Amino acid sequence: MTERRPHKQLLLVRFAGVDTLNDLEEWIGSLVEIEREALPPTAGDEIYAFEAVGLAVATLAGELLGEVRETLSLPANDVWVVLRPDGRELLIPVIADVVREIDLTSRRATVDPIPGLMED
């Protein structure tokens, strides 16, 4: 990577030897990874989607709901796919009214489920 810069909700990167769209064609569909230190810092209470994977999720009352397996980036907001202890999946919208606290150090998130969220 020779250059990186934020652009809206994305991170634009430039790679050495990739100077035209034709140069880019062979890389379409490839997985690109960068070191954590190369990412721009997050603001305030923001985290990167990959940082949520593996978080234990519990309610305000302390009930363990499961572990974040994936973050879906949807138009309205992100949604965590949480694997429950019984193997079922729970979808949790990542919005301030629901996700009350994220503690990356302890790898735990606290949520306040909205009505209907926990129903099968």
PDB file of N, CA and C in Angstrom:
ATOM      1  N   MET A   1       0.861  -1.162   0.000  1.00  0.00           N
ATOM      2  CA  MET A   1       0.000   0.000   0.000  1.00  0.00           C
ATOM      3  C   MET A   1       0.909   1.227   0.000  1.00  0.00           C
ATOM      4  N   THR A   2       0.639   2.127  -0.917  1.00  0.00           N
ATOM      5  CA  THR A   2       1.472   3.321  -0.984  1.00  0.00           C
ATOM      6  C   THR A   2       0.765   4.568  -0.467  1.00  0.00           C
ATOM      7  N   GLU A   3      -0.557   4.495  -0.402  1.00  0.00           N
ATOM      8  CA  GLU A   3      -1.309   5.659   0.053  1.00  0.00           C
ATOM      9  C   GLU A   3      -2.659   5.197   0.586  1.00  0.00           C
ATOM     10  N   ARG A   4      -3.168   5.877   1.606  1.00  0.00           N
ATOM     11  CA  ARG A   4      -4.512   5.592   2.116  1.00  0.00           C
ATOM     12  C   ARG A   4      -5.128   6.895   2.570  1.00  0.00           C
ATOM     13  N   ARG A   5      -6.471   6.973   2.431  1.00  0.00           N
ATOM     14  CA  ARG A   5      -7.179   8.146   2.936  1.00  0.00           C
ATOM     15  C   ARG A   5      -8.650   7.810   3.115  1.00  0.00           C
ATOM     16  N   PRO A   6      -9.269   8.391   4.133  1.00  0.00           N
ATOM     17  CA  PRO A   6     -10.704   8.187   4.331  1.00  0.00           C
ATOM     18  C   PRO A   6     -11.495   8.902   3.233  1.00  0.00           C
ATOM     19  N   HIS A   7     -12.598   8.299   2.852  1.00  0.00           N
ATOM     20  CA  HIS A   7     -13.520   8.899   1.884  1.00  0.00           C
ATOM     21  C   HIS A   7     -14.926   8.460   2.256  1.00  0.00           C
ATOM     22  N   LYS A   8     -15.719   9.399   2.794  1.00  0.00           N
ATOM     23  CA  LYS A   8     -17.062   9.097   3.298  1.00  0.00           C
ATOM     24  C   LYS A   8     -16.959   7.996   4.348  1.00  0.00           C
ATOM     25  N   GLN A   9     -17.627   6.865   4.158  1.00  0.00           N
ATOM     26  CA  GLN A   9     -17.587   5.754   5.114  1.00  0.00           C
ATOM     27  C   GLN A   9     -16.568   4.688   4.711  1.00  0.00           C
ATOM     28  N   LEU A  10     -15.693   5.006   3.758  1.00  0.00           N
ATOM     29  CA  LEU A  10     -14.758   4.021   3.224  1.00  0.00           C
ATOM     30  C   LEU A  10     -13.323   4.447   3.469  1.00  0.00           C
ATOM     31  N   LEU A  11     -12.417   3.548   3.190  1.00  0.00           N
ATOM     32  CA  LEU A  11     -10.998   3.848   3.213  1.00  0.00           C
ATOM     33  C   LEU A  11     -10.471   3.562   1.812  1.00  0.00           C
ATOM     34  N   LEU A  12      -9.992   4.599   1.132  1.00  0.00           N
ATOM     35  CA  LEU A  12      -9.422   4.430  -0.203  1.00  0.00           C
ATOM     36  C   LEU A  12      -7.942   4.122  -0.066  1.00  0.00           C
ATOM     37  N   VAL A  13      -7.477   3.144  -0.830  1.00  0.00           N
ATOM     38  CA  VAL A  13      -6.066   2.784  -0.783  1.00  0.00           C
ATOM     39  C   VAL A  13      -5.498   2.745  -2.202  1.00  0.00           C
ATOM     40  N   ARG A  14      -4.220   3.056  -2.300  1.00  0.00           N
ATOM     41  CA  ARG A  14      -3.508   2.969  -3.570  1.00  0.00           C
ATOM     42  C   ARG A  14      -2.343   2.004  -3.359  1.00  0.00           C
ATOM     43  N   PHE A  15      -2.158   1.112  -4.348  1.00  0.00           N
ATOM     44  CA  PHE A  15      -1.094   0.124  -4.271  1.00  0.00           C
ATOM     45  C   PHE A  15      -0.044   0.401  -5.334  1.00  0.00           C
ATOM     46  N   ALA A  16       1.192   0.154  -4.993  1.00  0.00           N
ATOM     47  CA  ALA A  16       2.292   0.313  -5.945  1.00  0.00           C
ATOM     48  C   ALA A  16       2.058  -0.599  -7.139  1.00  0.00           C
ATOM     49  N   GLY A  17       2.225  -0.064  -8.329  1.00  0.00           N
ATOM     50  CA  GLY A  17       2.057  -0.855  -9.550  1.00  0.00           C
ATOM     51  C   GLY A  17       0.629  -0.939 -10.045  1.00  0.00           C
ATOM     52  N   VAL A  18      -0.313  -0.393  -9.324  1.00  0.00           N
ATOM     53  CA  VAL A  18      -1.710  -0.375  -9.746  1.00  0.00           C
ATOM     54  C   VAL A  18      -2.069   1.087 -10.003  1.00  0.00           C
ATOM     55  N   ASP A  19      -1.862   1.504 -11.256  1.00  0.00           N
ATOM     56  CA  ASP A  19      -2.020   2.914 -11.599  1.00  0.00           C
ATOM     57  C   ASP A  19      -3.225   3.201 -12.486  1.00  0.00           C
ATOM     58  N   THR A  20      -3.785   2.175 -13.110  1.00  0.00           N
ATOM     59  CA  THR A  20      -4.933   2.366 -14.006  1.00  0.00           C
ATOM     60  C   THR A  20      -5.997   1.325 -13.679  1.00  0.00           C
ATOM     61  N   LEU A  21      -7.191   1.533 -14.223  1.00  0.00           N
ATOM     62  CA  LEU A  21      -8.254   0.535 -14.048  1.00  0.00           C
ATOM     63  C   LEU A  21      -7.860  -0.799 -14.659  1.00  0.00           C
ATOM     64  N   ASN A  22      -7.128  -0.780 -15.749  1.00  0.00           N
ATOM     65  CA  ASN A  22      -6.664  -2.040 -16.364  1.00  0.00           C
ATOM     66  C   ASN A  22      -5.740  -2.791 -15.407  1.00  0.00           C
ATOM     67  N   ASP A  23      -4.880  -2.072 -14.699  1.00  0.00           N
ATOM     68  CA  ASP A  23      -3.991  -2.714 -13.723  1.00  0.00           C
ATOM     69  C   ASP A  23      -4.795  -3.351 -12.589  1.00  0.00           C
ATOM     70  N   LEU A  24      -5.926  -2.776 -12.292  1.00  0.00           N
ATOM     71  CA  LEU A  24      -6.749  -3.231 -11.176  1.00  0.00           C
ATOM     72  C   LEU A  24      -7.549  -4.498 -11.494  1.00  0.00           C
ATOM     73  N   GLU A  25      -7.830  -4.738 -12.768  1.00  0.00           N
ATOM     74  CA  GLU A  25      -8.704  -5.852 -13.159  1.00  0.00           C
ATOM     75  C   GLU A  25      -8.295  -7.196 -12.570  1.00  0.00           C
ATOM     76  N   GLU A  26      -7.003  -7.486 -12.550  1.00  0.00           N
ATOM     77  CA  GLU A  26      -6.570  -8.796 -12.053  1.00  0.00           C
ATOM     78  C   GLU A  26      -6.804  -8.959 -10.554  1.00  0.00           C
ATOM     79  N   TRP A  27      -7.054  -7.859  -9.842  1.00  0.00           N
ATOM     80  CA  TRP A  27      -7.243  -7.899  -8.396  1.00  0.00           C
ATOM     81  C   TRP A  27      -8.713  -7.921  -7.996  1.00  0.00           C
ATOM     82  N   ILE A  28      -9.617  -7.755  -8.940  1.00  0.00           N
ATOM     83  CA  ILE A  28     -11.050  -7.730  -8.621  1.00  0.00           C
ATOM     84  C   ILE A  28     -11.446  -9.036  -7.943  1.00  0.00           C
ATOM     85  N   GLY A  29     -12.107  -8.922  -6.799  1.00  0.00           N
ATOM     86  CA  GLY A  29     -12.555 -10.087  -6.042  1.00  0.00           C
ATOM     87  C   GLY A  29     -11.521 -10.602  -5.050  1.00  0.00           C
ATOM     88  N   SER A  30     -10.371  -9.970  -5.012  1.00  0.00           N
ATOM     89  CA  SER A  30      -9.310 -10.406  -4.097  1.00  0.00           C
ATOM     90  C   SER A  30      -9.566  -9.891  -2.691  1.00  0.00           C
ATOM     91  N   LEU A  31      -9.053 -10.613  -1.727  1.00  0.00           N
ATOM     92  CA  LEU A  31      -9.111 -10.193  -0.330  1.00  0.00           C
ATOM     93  C   LEU A  31      -7.908  -9.297  -0.067  1.00  0.00           C
ATOM     94  N   VAL A  32      -8.179  -8.125   0.475  1.00  0.00           N
ATOM     95  CA  VAL A  32      -7.108  -7.193   0.802  1.00  0.00           C
ATOM     96  C   VAL A  32      -7.092  -7.005   2.307  1.00  0.00           C
ATOM     97  N   GLU A  33      -5.931  -7.176   2.900  1.00  0.00           N
ATOM     98  CA  GLU A  33      -5.784  -6.988   4.333  1.00  0.00           C
ATOM     99  C   GLU A  33      -4.724  -5.920   4.583  1.00  0.00           C
ATOM    100  N   ILE A  34      -4.954  -5.130   5.631  1.00  0.00           N
ATOM    101  CA  ILE A  34      -3.952  -4.162   6.041  1.00  0.00           C
ATOM    102  C   ILE A  34      -3.716  -4.321   7.536  1.00  0.00           C
ATOM    103  N   GLU A  35      -2.591  -3.862   7.987  1.00  0.00           N
ATOM    104  CA  GLU A  35      -2.285  -3.963   9.408  1.00  0.00           C
ATOM    105  C   GLU A  35      -3.177  -3.017  10.195  1.00  0.00           C
ATOM    106  N   ARG A  36      -3.533  -3.421  11.392  1.00  0.00           N
ATOM    107  CA  ARG A  36      -4.407  -2.628  12.264  1.00  0.00           C
ATOM    108  C   ARG A  36      -3.874  -1.208  12.444  1.00  0.00           C
ATOM    109  N   GLU A  37      -2.567  -1.080  12.569  1.00  0.00           N
ATOM    110  CA  GLU A  37      -1.947   0.220  12.798  1.00  0.00           C
ATOM    111  C   GLU A  37      -2.128   1.167  11.619  1.00  0.00           C
ATOM    112  N   ALA A  38      -2.416   0.638  10.429  1.00  0.00           N
ATOM    113  CA  ALA A  38      -2.586   1.471   9.238  1.00  0.00           C
ATOM    114  C   ALA A  38      -3.994   2.045   9.124  1.00  0.00           C
ATOM    115  N   LEU A  39      -4.924   1.569   9.953  1.00  0.00           N
ATOM    116  CA  LEU A  39      -6.291   2.088   9.913  1.00  0.00           C
ATOM    117  C   LEU A  39      -6.370   3.447  10.588  1.00  0.00           C
ATOM    118  N   PRO A  40      -7.222   4.325  10.072  1.00  0.00           N
ATOM    119  CA  PRO A  40      -7.413   5.604  10.764  1.00  0.00           C
ATOM    120  C   PRO A  40      -8.039   5.362  12.132  1.00  0.00           C
ATOM    121  N   PRO A  41      -7.737   6.210  13.108  1.00  0.00           N
ATOM    122  CA  PRO A  41      -8.344   6.032  14.431  1.00  0.00           C
ATOM    123  C   PRO A  41      -9.857   6.241  14.358  1.00  0.00           C
ATOM    124  N   THR A  42     -10.565   5.537  15.216  1.00  0.00           N
ATOM    125  CA  THR A  42     -12.014   5.707  15.282  1.00  0.00           C
ATOM    126  C   THR A  42     -12.324   6.896  16.182  1.00  0.00           C
ATOM    127  N   ALA A  43     -13.483   7.453  15.971  1.00  0.00           N
ATOM    128  CA  ALA A  43     -13.895   8.625  16.754  1.00  0.00           C
ATOM    129  C   ALA A  43     -14.807   8.194  17.898  1.00  0.00           C
ATOM    130  N   GLY A  44     -14.557   8.739  19.080  1.00  0.00           N
ATOM    131  CA  GLY A  44     -15.441   8.536  20.235  1.00  0.00           C
ATOM    132  C   GLY A  44     -15.790   7.096  20.503  1.00  0.00           C
ATOM    133  N   ASP A  45     -17.088   6.779  20.349  1.00  0.00           N
ATOM    134  CA  ASP A  45     -17.573   5.440  20.680  1.00  0.00           C
ATOM    135  C   ASP A  45     -17.640   4.515  19.466  1.00  0.00           C
ATOM    136  N   GLU A  46     -16.997   4.878  18.369  1.00  0.00           N
ATOM    137  CA  GLU A  46     -17.010   4.050  17.172  1.00  0.00           C
ATOM    138  C   GLU A  46     -16.009   2.902  17.289  1.00  0.00           C
ATOM    139  N   ILE A  47     -16.333   1.793  16.622  1.00  0.00           N
ATOM    140  CA  ILE A  47     -15.394   0.688  16.493  1.00  0.00           C
ATOM    141  C   ILE A  47     -15.470   0.213  15.050  1.00  0.00           C
ATOM    142  N   TYR A  48     -14.459  -0.494  14.621  1.00  0.00           N
ATOM    143  CA  TYR A  48     -14.510  -1.143  13.316  1.00  0.00           C
ATOM    144  C   TYR A  48     -15.355  -2.401  13.430  1.00  0.00           C
ATOM    145  N   ALA A  49     -16.046  -2.765  12.335  1.00  0.00           N
ATOM    146  CA  ALA A  49     -16.929  -3.938  12.340  1.00  0.00           C
ATOM    147  C   ALA A  49     -16.185  -5.203  12.754  1.00  0.00           C
ATOM    148  N   PHE A  50     -14.959  -5.368  12.309  1.00  0.00           N
ATOM    149  CA  PHE A  50     -14.205  -6.587  12.642  1.00  0.00           C
ATOM    150  C   PHE A  50     -13.919  -6.676  14.139  1.00  0.00           C
ATOM    151  N   GLU A  51     -13.885  -5.550  14.831  1.00  0.00           N
ATOM    152  CA  GLU A  51     -13.598  -5.570  16.266  1.00  0.00           C
ATOM    153  C   GLU A  51     -14.751  -6.155  17.077  1.00  0.00           C
ATOM    154  N   ALA A  52     -15.955  -6.143  16.520  1.00  0.00           N
ATOM    155  CA  ALA A  52     -17.123  -6.689  17.223  1.00  0.00           C
ATOM    156  C   ALA A  52     -17.135  -8.218  17.216  1.00  0.00           C
ATOM    157  N   VAL A  53     -16.515  -8.821  16.205  1.00  0.00           N
ATOM    158  CA  VAL A  53     -16.520 -10.282  16.103  1.00  0.00           C
ATOM    159  C   VAL A  53     -15.836 -10.880  17.330  1.00  0.00           C
ATOM    160  N   GLY A  54     -16.569 -11.779  17.996  1.00  0.00           N
ATOM    161  CA  GLY A  54     -16.049 -12.434  19.186  1.00  0.00           C
ATOM    162  C   GLY A  54     -16.500 -11.798  20.486  1.00  0.00           C
ATOM    163  N   LEU A  55     -17.156 -10.628  20.413  1.00  0.00           N
ATOM    164  CA  LEU A  55     -17.650 -10.009  21.644  1.00  0.00           C
ATOM    165  C   LEU A  55     -18.737 -10.868  22.274  1.00  0.00           C
ATOM    166  N   ALA A  56     -18.682 -11.036  23.587  1.00  0.00           N
ATOM    167  CA  ALA A  56     -19.782 -11.649  24.316  1.00  0.00           C
ATOM    168  C   ALA A  56     -20.864 -10.582  24.435  1.00  0.00           C
ATOM    169  N   VAL A  57     -22.111 -10.958  24.213  1.00  0.00           N
ATOM    170  CA  VAL A  57     -23.221 -10.010  24.274  1.00  0.00           C
ATOM    171  C   VAL A  57     -24.146 -10.411  25.415  1.00  0.00           C
ATOM    172  N   ALA A  58     -24.411  -9.451  26.300  1.00  0.00           N
ATOM    173  CA  ALA A  58     -25.301  -9.691  27.439  1.00  0.00           C
ATOM    174  C   ALA A  58     -26.291  -8.545  27.561  1.00  0.00           C
ATOM    175  N   THR A  59     -27.420  -8.824  28.203  1.00  0.00           N
ATOM    176  CA  THR A  59     -28.417  -7.784  28.448  1.00  0.00           C
ATOM    177  C   THR A  59     -27.985  -6.935  29.638  1.00  0.00           C
ATOM    178  N   LEU A  60     -28.695  -5.827  29.857  1.00  0.00           N
ATOM    179  CA  LEU A  60     -28.438  -4.976  31.020  1.00  0.00           C
ATOM    180  C   LEU A  60     -28.599  -5.765  32.314  1.00  0.00           C
ATOM    181  N   ALA A  61     -29.472  -6.774  32.285  1.00  0.00           N
ATOM    182  CA  ALA A  61     -29.712  -7.607  33.465  1.00  0.00           C
ATOM    183  C   ALA A  61     -28.644  -8.691  33.646  1.00  0.00           C
ATOM    184  N   GLY A  62     -27.716  -8.791  32.698  1.00  0.00           N
ATOM    185  CA  GLY A  62     -26.635  -9.762  32.829  1.00  0.00           C
ATOM    186  C   GLY A  62     -26.866 -11.086  32.130  1.00  0.00           C
ATOM    187  N   GLU A  63     -27.986 -11.248  31.430  1.00  0.00           N
ATOM    188  CA  GLU A  63     -28.263 -12.501  30.711  1.00  0.00           C
ATOM    189  C   GLU A  63     -27.367 -12.594  29.484  1.00  0.00           C
ATOM    190  N   LEU A  64     -26.565 -13.646  29.390  1.00  0.00           N
ATOM    191  CA  LEU A  64     -25.690 -13.852  28.248  1.00  0.00           C
ATOM    192  C   LEU A  64     -26.526 -14.273  27.040  1.00  0.00           C
ATOM    193  N   LEU A  65     -26.427 -13.494  25.963  1.00  0.00           N
ATOM    194  CA  LEU A  65     -27.185 -13.794  24.746  1.00  0.00           C
ATOM    195  C   LEU A  65     -26.378 -14.614  23.757  1.00  0.00           C
ATOM    196  N   GLY A  66     -25.062 -14.461  23.784  1.00  0.00           N
ATOM    197  CA  GLY A  66     -24.218 -15.204  22.862  1.00  0.00           C
ATOM    198  C   GLY A  66     -23.000 -14.402  22.475  1.00  0.00           C
ATOM    199  N   GLU A  67     -22.457 -14.724  21.296  1.00  0.00           N
ATOM    200  CA  GLU A  67     -21.221 -14.114  20.816  1.00  0.00           C
ATOM    201  C   GLU A  67     -21.418 -13.583  19.399  1.00  0.00           C
ATOM    202  N   VAL A  68     -20.891 -12.396  19.134  1.00  0.00           N
ATOM    203  CA  VAL A  68     -20.985 -11.802  17.794  1.00  0.00           C
ATOM    204  C   VAL A  68     -20.142 -12.642  16.836  1.00  0.00           C
ATOM    205  N   ARG A  69     -20.776 -13.129  15.783  1.00  0.00           N
ATOM    206  CA  ARG A  69     -20.093 -13.934  14.764  1.00  0.00           C
ATOM    207  C   ARG A  69     -19.787 -13.128  13.511  1.00  0.00           C
ATOM    208  N   GLU A  70     -20.601 -12.069  13.274  1.00  0.00           N
ATOM    209  CA  GLU A  70     -20.481 -11.319  12.024  1.00  0.00           C
ATOM    210  C   GLU A  70     -21.185  -9.979  12.193  1.00  0.00           C
ATOM    211  N   THR A  71     -20.724  -8.990  11.443  1.00  0.00           N
ATOM    212  CA  THR A  71     -21.409  -7.711  11.379  1.00  0.00           C
ATOM    213  C   THR A  71     -21.916  -7.524   9.956  1.00  0.00           C
ATOM    214  N   LEU A  72     -23.216  -7.328   9.822  1.00  0.00           N
ATOM    215  CA  LEU A  72     -23.811  -7.043   8.520  1.00  0.00           C
ATOM    216  C   LEU A  72     -23.908  -5.533   8.379  1.00  0.00           C
ATOM    217  N   SER A  73     -23.365  -4.997   7.297  1.00  0.00           N
ATOM    218  CA  SER A  73     -23.456  -3.553   7.053  1.00  0.00           C
ATOM    219  C   SER A  73     -24.639  -3.306   6.135  1.00  0.00           C
ATOM    220  N   LEU A  74     -25.728  -2.839   6.722  1.00  0.00           N
ATOM    221  CA  LEU A  74     -26.959  -2.593   5.986  1.00  0.00           C
ATOM    222  C   LEU A  74     -27.158  -1.085   5.811  1.00  0.00           C
ATOM    223  N   PRO A  75     -28.029  -0.674   4.891  1.00  0.00           N
ATOM    224  CA  PRO A  75     -28.205   0.757   4.642  1.00  0.00           C
ATOM    225  C   PRO A  75     -28.612   1.567   5.879  1.00  0.00           C
ATOM    226  N   ALA A  76     -29.496   1.049   6.689  1.00  0.00           N
ATOM    227  CA  ALA A  76     -29.979   1.821   7.842  1.00  0.00           C
ATOM    228  C   ALA A  76     -28.977   1.820   8.990  1.00  0.00           C
ATOM    229  N   ASN A  77     -28.390   0.671   9.272  1.00  0.00           N
ATOM    230  CA  ASN A  77     -27.433   0.527  10.367  1.00  0.00           C
ATOM    231  C   ASN A  77     -26.788  -0.846  10.280  1.00  0.00           C
ATOM    232  N   ASP A  78     -25.712  -1.030  11.011  1.00  0.00           N
ATOM    233  CA  ASP A  78     -25.096  -2.349  11.093  1.00  0.00           C
ATOM    234  C   ASP A  78     -25.965  -3.254  11.955  1.00  0.00           C
ATOM    235  N   VAL A  79     -25.833  -4.546  11.726  1.00  0.00           N
ATOM    236  CA  VAL A  79     -26.550  -5.559  12.500  1.00  0.00           C
ATOM    237  C   VAL A  79     -25.549  -6.637  12.884  1.00  0.00           C
ATOM    238  N   TRP A  80     -25.533  -6.977  14.170  1.00  0.00           N
ATOM    239  CA  TRP A  80     -24.688  -8.071  14.632  1.00  0.00           C
ATOM    240  C   TRP A  80     -25.427  -9.381  14.507  1.00  0.00           C
ATOM    241  N   VAL A  81     -24.755 -10.390  13.977  1.00  0.00           N
ATOM    242  CA  VAL A  81     -25.261 -11.754  13.982  1.00  0.00           C
ATOM    243  C   VAL A  81     -24.650 -12.407  15.219  1.00  0.00           C
ATOM    244  N   VAL A  82     -25.503 -12.696  16.197  1.00  0.00           N
ATOM    245  CA  VAL A  82     -25.048 -13.243  17.475  1.00  0.00           C
ATOM    246  C   VAL A  82     -25.428 -14.722  17.528  1.00  0.00           C
ATOM    247  N   LEU A  83     -24.437 -15.566  17.775  1.00  0.00           N
ATOM    248  CA  LEU A  83     -24.688 -17.000  17.925  1.00  0.00           C
ATOM    249  C   LEU A  83     -25.029 -17.260  19.376  1.00  0.00           C
ATOM    250  N   ARG A  84     -26.249 -17.726  19.599  1.00  0.00           N
ATOM    251  CA  ARG A  84     -26.711 -18.001  20.961  1.00  0.00           C
ATOM    252  C   ARG A  84     -26.125 -19.323  21.463  1.00  0.00           C
ATOM    253  N   PRO A  85     -26.112 -19.524  22.769  1.00  0.00           N
ATOM    254  CA  PRO A  85     -25.572 -20.773  23.328  1.00  0.00           C
ATOM    255  C   PRO A  85     -26.261 -22.034  22.784  1.00  0.00           C
ATOM    256  N   ASP A  86     -27.552 -21.918  22.399  1.00  0.00           N
ATOM    257  CA  ASP A  86     -28.273 -23.084  21.875  1.00  0.00           C
ATOM    258  C   ASP A  86     -28.064 -23.285  20.375  1.00  0.00           C
ATOM    259  N   GLY A  87     -27.200 -22.452  19.755  1.00  0.00           N
ATOM    260  CA  GLY A  87     -26.893 -22.599  18.331  1.00  0.00           C
ATOM    261  C   GLY A  87     -27.734 -21.753  17.396  1.00  0.00           C
ATOM    262  N   ARG A  88     -28.791 -21.149  17.922  1.00  0.00           N
ATOM    263  CA  ARG A  88     -29.612 -20.278  17.080  1.00  0.00           C
ATOM    264  C   ARG A  88     -28.929 -18.920  16.913  1.00  0.00           C
ATOM    265  N   GLU A  89     -29.340 -18.191  15.885  1.00  0.00           N
ATOM    266  CA  GLU A  89     -28.795 -16.863  15.657  1.00  0.00           C
ATOM    267  C   GLU A  89     -29.781 -15.798  16.102  1.00  0.00           C
ATOM    268  N   LEU A  90     -29.237 -14.703  16.595  1.00  0.00           N
ATOM    269  CA  LEU A  90     -30.015 -13.551  17.018  1.00  0.00           C
ATOM    270  C   LEU A  90     -29.447 -12.351  16.279  1.00  0.00           C
ATOM    271  N   LEU A  91     -30.318 -11.547  15.676  1.00  0.00           N
ATOM    272  CA  LEU A  91     -29.878 -10.351  14.962  1.00  0.00           C
ATOM    273  C   LEU A  91     -30.097  -9.137  15.852  1.00  0.00           C
ATOM    274  N   ILE A  92     -29.027  -8.393  16.102  1.00  0.00           N
ATOM    275  CA  ILE A  92     -29.095  -7.238  16.993  1.00  0.00           C
ATOM    276  C   ILE A  92     -28.714  -5.983  16.215  1.00  0.00           C
ATOM    277  N   PRO A  93     -29.650  -5.024  16.093  1.00  0.00           N
ATOM    278  CA  PRO A  93     -29.307  -3.782  15.410  1.00  0.00           C
ATOM    279  C   PRO A  93     -28.296  -2.985  16.226  1.00  0.00           C
ATOM    280  N   VAL A  94     -27.266  -2.509  15.571  1.00  0.00           N
ATOM    281  CA  VAL A  94     -26.226  -1.748  16.264  1.00  0.00           C
ATOM    282  C   VAL A  94     -26.639  -0.271  16.229  1.00  0.00           C
ATOM    283  N   ILE A  95     -27.548   0.050  17.167  1.00  0.00           N
ATOM    284  CA  ILE A  95     -28.042   1.412  17.316  1.00  0.00           C
ATOM    285  C   ILE A  95     -27.960   1.776  18.796  1.00  0.00           C
ATOM    286  N   ALA A  96     -27.888   3.072  19.072  1.00  0.00           N
ATOM    287  CA  ALA A  96     -27.682   3.539  20.451  1.00  0.00           C
ATOM    288  C   ALA A  96     -28.770   3.069  21.407  1.00  0.00           C
ATOM    289  N   ASP A  97     -30.017   2.946  20.939  1.00  0.00           N
ATOM    290  CA  ASP A  97     -31.101   2.504  21.817  1.00  0.00           C
ATOM    291  C   ASP A  97     -30.956   1.045  22.240  1.00  0.00           C
ATOM    292  N   VAL A  98     -30.193   0.260  21.485  1.00  0.00           N
ATOM    293  CA  VAL A  98     -30.044  -1.167  21.778  1.00  0.00           C
ATOM    294  C   VAL A  98     -28.660  -1.471  22.354  1.00  0.00           C
ATOM    295  N   VAL A  99     -27.614  -1.101  21.649  1.00  0.00           N
ATOM    296  CA  VAL A  99     -26.253  -1.371  22.117  1.00  0.00           C
ATOM    297  C   VAL A  99     -25.861  -0.252  23.067  1.00  0.00           C
ATOM    298  N   ARG A 100     -25.808  -0.561  24.333  1.00  0.00           N
ATOM    299  CA  ARG A 100     -25.572   0.455  25.359  1.00  0.00           C
ATOM    300  C   ARG A 100     -24.104   0.629  25.696  1.00  0.00           C
ATOM    301  N   GLU A 101     -23.321  -0.462  25.611  1.00  0.00           N
ATOM    302  CA  GLU A 101     -21.907  -0.350  25.945  1.00  0.00           C
ATOM    303  C   GLU A 101     -21.113  -1.394  25.184  1.00  0.00           C
ATOM    304  N   ILE A 102     -19.940  -0.983  24.712  1.00  0.00           N
ATOM    305  CA  ILE A 102     -18.999  -1.905  24.082  1.00  0.00           C
ATOM    306  C   ILE A 102     -17.673  -1.733  24.806  1.00  0.00           C
ATOM    307  N   ASP A 103     -17.187  -2.830  25.367  1.00  0.00           N
ATOM    308  CA  ASP A 103     -15.914  -2.801  26.077  1.00  0.00           C
ATOM    309  C   ASP A 103     -14.957  -3.753  25.358  1.00  0.00           C
ATOM    310  N   LEU A 104     -14.110  -3.178  24.498  1.00  0.00           N
ATOM    311  CA  LEU A 104     -13.204  -4.012  23.725  1.00  0.00           C
ATOM    312  C   LEU A 104     -12.153  -4.679  24.600  1.00  0.00           C
ATOM    313  N   THR A 105     -11.792  -4.041  25.699  1.00  0.00           N
ATOM    314  CA  THR A 105     -10.794  -4.618  26.597  1.00  0.00           C
ATOM    315  C   THR A 105     -11.295  -5.914  27.215  1.00  0.00           C
ATOM    316  N   SER A 106     -12.547  -5.912  27.691  1.00  0.00           N
ATOM    317  CA  SER A 106     -13.111  -7.124  28.296  1.00  0.00           C
ATOM    318  C   SER A 106     -13.835  -7.993  27.271  1.00  0.00           C
ATOM    319  N   ARG A 107     -13.873  -7.528  25.995  1.00  0.00           N
ATOM    320  CA  ARG A 107     -14.525  -8.266  24.896  1.00  0.00           C
ATOM    321  C   ARG A 107     -15.992  -8.550  25.211  1.00  0.00           C
ATOM    322  N   ARG A 108     -16.705  -7.498  25.663  1.00  0.00           N
ATOM    323  CA  ARG A 108     -18.108  -7.651  26.064  1.00  0.00           C
ATOM    324  C   ARG A 108     -18.925  -6.460  25.575  1.00  0.00           C
ATOM    325  N   ALA A 109     -20.142  -6.736  25.157  1.00  0.00           N
ATOM    326  CA  ALA A 109     -21.095  -5.692  24.781  1.00  0.00           C
ATOM    327  C   ALA A 109     -22.358  -5.876  25.616  1.00  0.00           C
ATOM    328  N   THR A 110     -22.926  -4.761  26.026  1.00  0.00           N
ATOM    329  CA  THR A 110     -24.171  -4.791  26.800  1.00  0.00           C
ATOM    330  C   THR A 110     -25.266  -4.193  25.948  1.00  0.00           C
ATOM    331  N   VAL A 111     -26.400  -4.904  25.879  1.00  0.00           N
ATOM    332  CA  VAL A 111     -27.511  -4.456  25.054  1.00  0.00           C
ATOM    333  C   VAL A 111     -28.788  -4.360  25.886  1.00  0.00           C
ATOM    334  N   ASP A 112     -29.684  -3.506  25.406  1.00  0.00           N
ATOM    335  CA  ASP A 112     -31.010  -3.346  25.990  1.00  0.00           C
ATOM    336  C   ASP A 112     -31.997  -3.712  24.887  1.00  0.00           C
ATOM    337  N   PRO A 113     -32.403  -4.985  24.830  1.00  0.00           N
ATOM    338  CA  PRO A 113     -33.232  -5.446  23.712  1.00  0.00           C
ATOM    339  C   PRO A 113     -34.539  -4.679  23.596  1.00  0.00           C
ATOM    340  N   ILE A 114     -34.890  -4.306  22.382  1.00  0.00           N
ATOM    341  CA  ILE A 114     -36.173  -3.653  22.134  1.00  0.00           C
ATOM    342  C   ILE A 114     -37.257  -4.731  22.084  1.00  0.00           C
ATOM    343  N   PRO A 115     -38.518  -4.344  22.339  1.00  0.00           N
ATOM    344  CA  PRO A 115     -39.596  -5.339  22.317  1.00  0.00           C
ATOM    345  C   PRO A 115     -39.619  -6.119  20.999  1.00  0.00           C
ATOM    346  N   GLY A 116     -39.729  -7.433  21.112  1.00  0.00           N
ATOM    347  CA  GLY A 116     -39.793  -8.311  19.959  1.00  0.00           C
ATOM    348  C   GLY A 116     -38.447  -8.836  19.490  1.00  0.00           C
ATOM    349  N   LEU A 117     -37.360  -8.243  19.950  1.00  0.00           N
ATOM    350  CA  LEU A 117     -36.037  -8.651  19.482  1.00  0.00           C
ATOM    351  C   LEU A 117     -35.696 -10.074  19.908  1.00  0.00           C
ATOM    352  N   MET A 118     -36.116 -10.467  21.094  1.00  0.00           N
ATOM    353  CA  MET A 118     -35.735 -11.763  21.657  1.00  0.00           C
ATOM    354  C   MET A 118     -36.748 -12.862  21.363  1.00  0.00           C
ATOM    355  N   GLU A 119     -37.834 -12.521  20.693  1.00  0.00           N
ATOM    356  CA  GLU A 119     -38.869 -13.521  20.432  1.00  0.00           C
ATOM    357  C   GLU A 119     -38.505 -14.380  19.233  1.00  0.00           C
ATOM    358  N   ASP A 120     -38.908 -15.632  19.265  1.00  0.00           N
ATOM    359  CA  ASP A 120     -38.639 -16.559  18.155  1.00  0.00           C
ATOM    360  C   ASP A 120     -39.640 -16.381  17.056  1.00  0.00           C
TER     361      ASP A 120
END
